[in-house]
Amino acid sequence: MQAICKKIGQRIREIRKNIGLSQEQLAEKADISVPHISRIETGISNPQLTTLYLLAEALQVPMTELFRKDLNKLNINKKEFIKKCNKLLDNKKTIEQVMKSLLELENLFQ
């Protein structure tokens, strides 16, 4: 369980830093104490579902984003993903086909 908490905490920290929020700002937006944010990000605390919901809302991301893997650790890189998307568009497939294919490709990143 501790490993899962650590991964979720790391992901929350990553998202928070990517959007330029301090722990204090995130704590204020989510109405959670700064020490609690710190314990979550370091994996010390096992956040409740409602806390994860508040954090996702404050970070303005879907809750599922808190559980995503790091794209850089996958076998498929971002350039390859974009190349495949462009290939689909070059083939002038219908929007429905393109969206279906993109969703299938997106599953590789989860």
C-alpha atoms as a PDB file:
ATOM      1  CA  MET A   1       0.000   0.000   0.000  1.00  0.00           C
ATOM      2  CA  GLN A   2       2.862   2.367   0.823  1.00  0.00           C
ATOM      3  CA  ALA A   3       4.233   2.059  -2.744  1.00  0.00           C
ATOM      4  CA  ILE A   4       0.866   3.062  -4.205  1.00  0.00           C
ATOM      5  CA  CYS A   5       0.630   6.065  -1.883  1.00  0.00           C
ATOM      6  CA  LYS A   6       4.117   7.116  -2.893  1.00  0.00           C
ATOM      7  CA  LYS A   7       3.303   6.880  -6.628  1.00  0.00           C
ATOM      8  CA  ILE A   8       0.087   8.861  -6.238  1.00  0.00           C
ATOM      9  CA  GLY A   9       1.898  11.462  -4.152  1.00  0.00           C
ATOM     10  CA  GLN A  10       4.649  11.789  -6.743  1.00  0.00           C
ATOM     11  CA  ARG A  11       2.043  12.230  -9.473  1.00  0.00           C
ATOM     12  CA  ILE A  12       0.240  14.945  -7.480  1.00  0.00           C
ATOM     13  CA  ARG A  13       3.555  16.756  -6.940  1.00  0.00           C
ATOM     14  CA  GLU A  14       4.397  16.444 -10.648  1.00  0.00           C
ATOM     15  CA  ILE A  15       1.047  17.909 -11.737  1.00  0.00           C
ATOM     16  CA  ARG A  16       1.242  20.657  -9.096  1.00  0.00           C
ATOM     17  CA  LYS A  17       4.709  21.715 -10.233  1.00  0.00           C
ATOM     18  CA  ASN A  18       3.788  21.507 -13.919  1.00  0.00           C
ATOM     19  CA  ILE A  19       1.019  24.044 -13.414  1.00  0.00           C
ATOM     20  CA  GLY A  20       3.184  26.237 -11.210  1.00  0.00           C
ATOM     21  CA  LEU A  21       1.467  25.865  -7.847  1.00  0.00           C
ATOM     22  CA  SER A  22       3.206  25.810  -4.494  1.00  0.00           C
ATOM     23  CA  GLN A  23       2.055  23.403  -1.807  1.00  0.00           C
ATOM     24  CA  GLU A  24       0.543  26.381  -0.014  1.00  0.00           C
ATOM     25  CA  GLN A  25      -1.477  27.402  -3.081  1.00  0.00           C
ATOM     26  CA  LEU A  26      -2.691  23.845  -3.649  1.00  0.00           C
ATOM     27  CA  ALA A  27      -3.614  23.521   0.014  1.00  0.00           C
ATOM     28  CA  GLU A  28      -5.665  26.706  -0.174  1.00  0.00           C
ATOM     29  CA  LYS A  29      -7.450  25.686  -3.386  1.00  0.00           C
ATOM     30  CA  ALA A  30      -8.249  22.201  -2.054  1.00  0.00           C
ATOM     31  CA  ASP A  31      -9.006  23.365   1.503  1.00  0.00           C
ATOM     32  CA  ILE A  32      -6.434  20.923   2.872  1.00  0.00           C
ATOM     33  CA  SER A  33      -3.608  21.756   5.279  1.00  0.00           C
ATOM     34  CA  VAL A  34      -0.093  22.250   3.924  1.00  0.00           C
ATOM     35  CA  PRO A  35       1.337  19.501   6.167  1.00  0.00           C
ATOM     36  CA  HIS A  36      -1.300  17.090   4.811  1.00  0.00           C
ATOM     37  CA  ILE A  37      -0.329  17.997   1.208  1.00  0.00           C
ATOM     38  CA  SER A  38       3.295  17.370   2.124  1.00  0.00           C
ATOM     39  CA  ARG A  39       2.508  13.966   3.671  1.00  0.00           C
ATOM     40  CA  ILE A  40       0.471  12.973   0.602  1.00  0.00           C
ATOM     41  CA  GLU A  41       3.196  14.037  -1.836  1.00  0.00           C
ATOM     42  CA  THR A  42       5.869  12.130   0.067  1.00  0.00           C
ATOM     43  CA  GLY A  43       3.703   9.015   0.303  1.00  0.00           C
ATOM     44  CA  ILE A  44       3.511   9.101   4.085  1.00  0.00           C
ATOM     45  CA  SER A  45      -0.249   9.659   4.100  1.00  0.00           C
ATOM     46  CA  ASN A  46      -2.849   7.415   2.505  1.00  0.00           C
ATOM     47  CA  PRO A  47      -5.323   9.997   1.164  1.00  0.00           C
ATOM     48  CA  GLN A  48      -9.037   9.305   1.311  1.00  0.00           C
ATOM     49  CA  LEU A  49     -11.079   9.278  -1.860  1.00  0.00           C
ATOM     50  CA  THR A  50     -12.663  12.612  -1.006  1.00  0.00           C
ATOM     51  CA  THR A  51      -9.210  14.144  -0.527  1.00  0.00           C
ATOM     52  CA  LEU A  52      -8.095  12.870  -3.944  1.00  0.00           C
ATOM     53  CA  TYR A  53     -11.251  14.370  -5.430  1.00  0.00           C
ATOM     54  CA  LEU A  54     -10.524  17.757  -3.829  1.00  0.00           C
ATOM     55  CA  LEU A  55      -6.937  17.645  -5.078  1.00  0.00           C
ATOM     56  CA  ALA A  56      -7.976  16.760  -8.620  1.00  0.00           C
ATOM     57  CA  GLU A  57     -10.484  19.622  -8.603  1.00  0.00           C
ATOM     58  CA  ALA A  58      -7.876  22.058  -7.273  1.00  0.00           C
ATOM     59  CA  LEU A  59      -5.363  20.891  -9.895  1.00  0.00           C
ATOM     60  CA  GLN A  60      -8.099  21.123 -12.551  1.00  0.00           C
ATOM     61  CA  VAL A  61      -7.499  17.594 -13.831  1.00  0.00           C
ATOM     62  CA  PRO A  62      -9.725  14.524 -14.005  1.00  0.00           C
ATOM     63  CA  MET A  63      -9.257  12.281 -10.999  1.00  0.00           C
ATOM     64  CA  THR A  64      -7.897   9.549 -13.261  1.00  0.00           C
ATOM     65  CA  GLU A  65      -4.943  11.829 -14.029  1.00  0.00           C
ATOM     66  CA  LEU A  66      -3.694  11.262 -10.481  1.00  0.00           C
ATOM     67  CA  PHE A  67      -3.240   7.572 -11.306  1.00  0.00           C
ATOM     68  CA  ARG A  68      -1.576   7.874 -14.716  1.00  0.00           C
ATOM     69  CA  LYS A  69       1.838   6.524 -15.410  1.00  0.00           C
ATOM     70  CA  ASP A  70       4.682   8.786 -16.468  1.00  0.00           C
ATOM     71  CA  LEU A  71       4.634   8.950 -20.281  1.00  0.00           C
ATOM     72  CA  ASN A  72       8.421   9.086 -20.390  1.00  0.00           C
ATOM     73  CA  LYS A  73       8.667   5.609 -18.862  1.00  0.00           C
ATOM     74  CA  LEU A  74       6.651   3.916 -21.602  1.00  0.00           C
ATOM     75  CA  ASN A  75       8.022   2.106 -24.612  1.00  0.00           C
ATOM     76  CA  ILE A  76       6.182   4.433 -27.000  1.00  0.00           C
ATOM     77  CA  ASN A  77       7.445   7.981 -27.001  1.00  0.00           C
ATOM     78  CA  LYS A  78       5.493  11.148 -27.658  1.00  0.00           C
ATOM     79  CA  LYS A  79       7.014  11.647 -31.131  1.00  0.00           C
ATOM     80  CA  GLU A  80       5.878   8.182 -32.194  1.00  0.00           C
ATOM     81  CA  PHE A  81       2.398   8.875 -30.862  1.00  0.00           C
ATOM     82  CA  ILE A  82       2.192  12.137 -32.844  1.00  0.00           C
ATOM     83  CA  LYS A  83       3.531  10.397 -35.958  1.00  0.00           C
ATOM     84  CA  LYS A  84       0.768   7.768 -35.704  1.00  0.00           C
ATOM     85  CA  CYS A  85      -1.868  10.474 -35.213  1.00  0.00           C
ATOM     86  CA  ASN A  86      -0.641  12.385 -38.254  1.00  0.00           C
ATOM     87  CA  LYS A  87      -0.664   9.213 -40.323  1.00  0.00           C
ATOM     88  CA  LEU A  88      -4.305   8.654 -39.402  1.00  0.00           C
ATOM     89  CA  LEU A  89      -5.164  12.193 -40.435  1.00  0.00           C
ATOM     90  CA  ASP A  90      -3.201  11.920 -43.698  1.00  0.00           C
ATOM     91  CA  ASN A  91      -5.274   8.901 -44.650  1.00  0.00           C
ATOM     92  CA  LYS A  92      -8.365  11.151 -44.479  1.00  0.00           C
ATOM     93  CA  LYS A  93     -10.325   8.706 -42.379  1.00  0.00           C
ATOM     94  CA  THR A  94     -13.611   9.797 -40.979  1.00  0.00           C
ATOM     95  CA  ILE A  95     -13.627  11.638 -37.678  1.00  0.00           C
ATOM     96  CA  GLU A  96     -15.202   8.614 -36.019  1.00  0.00           C
ATOM     97  CA  GLN A  97     -12.402   6.338 -37.230  1.00  0.00           C
ATOM     98  CA  VAL A  98      -9.737   8.849 -36.205  1.00  0.00           C
ATOM     99  CA  MET A  99     -11.208   9.265 -32.729  1.00  0.00           C
ATOM    100  CA  LYS A 100     -11.509   5.511 -32.248  1.00  0.00           C
ATOM    101  CA  SER A 101      -7.893   5.034 -33.276  1.00  0.00           C
ATOM    102  CA  LEU A 102      -6.708   7.874 -31.050  1.00  0.00           C
ATOM    103  CA  LEU A 103      -8.524   6.380 -28.077  1.00  0.00           C
ATOM    104  CA  GLU A 104      -6.864   3.033 -28.771  1.00  0.00           C
ATOM    105  CA  LEU A 105      -3.475   4.752 -28.926  1.00  0.00           C
ATOM    106  CA  GLU A 106      -4.212   6.675 -25.737  1.00  0.00           C
ATOM    107  CA  ASN A 107      -4.741   3.381 -23.914  1.00  0.00           C
ATOM    108  CA  LEU A 108      -1.059   2.692 -24.482  1.00  0.00           C
ATOM    109  CA  PHE A 109      -0.271   5.657 -22.223  1.00  0.00           C
ATOM    110  CA  GLN A 110      -2.373   4.534 -19.292  1.00  0.00           C
END
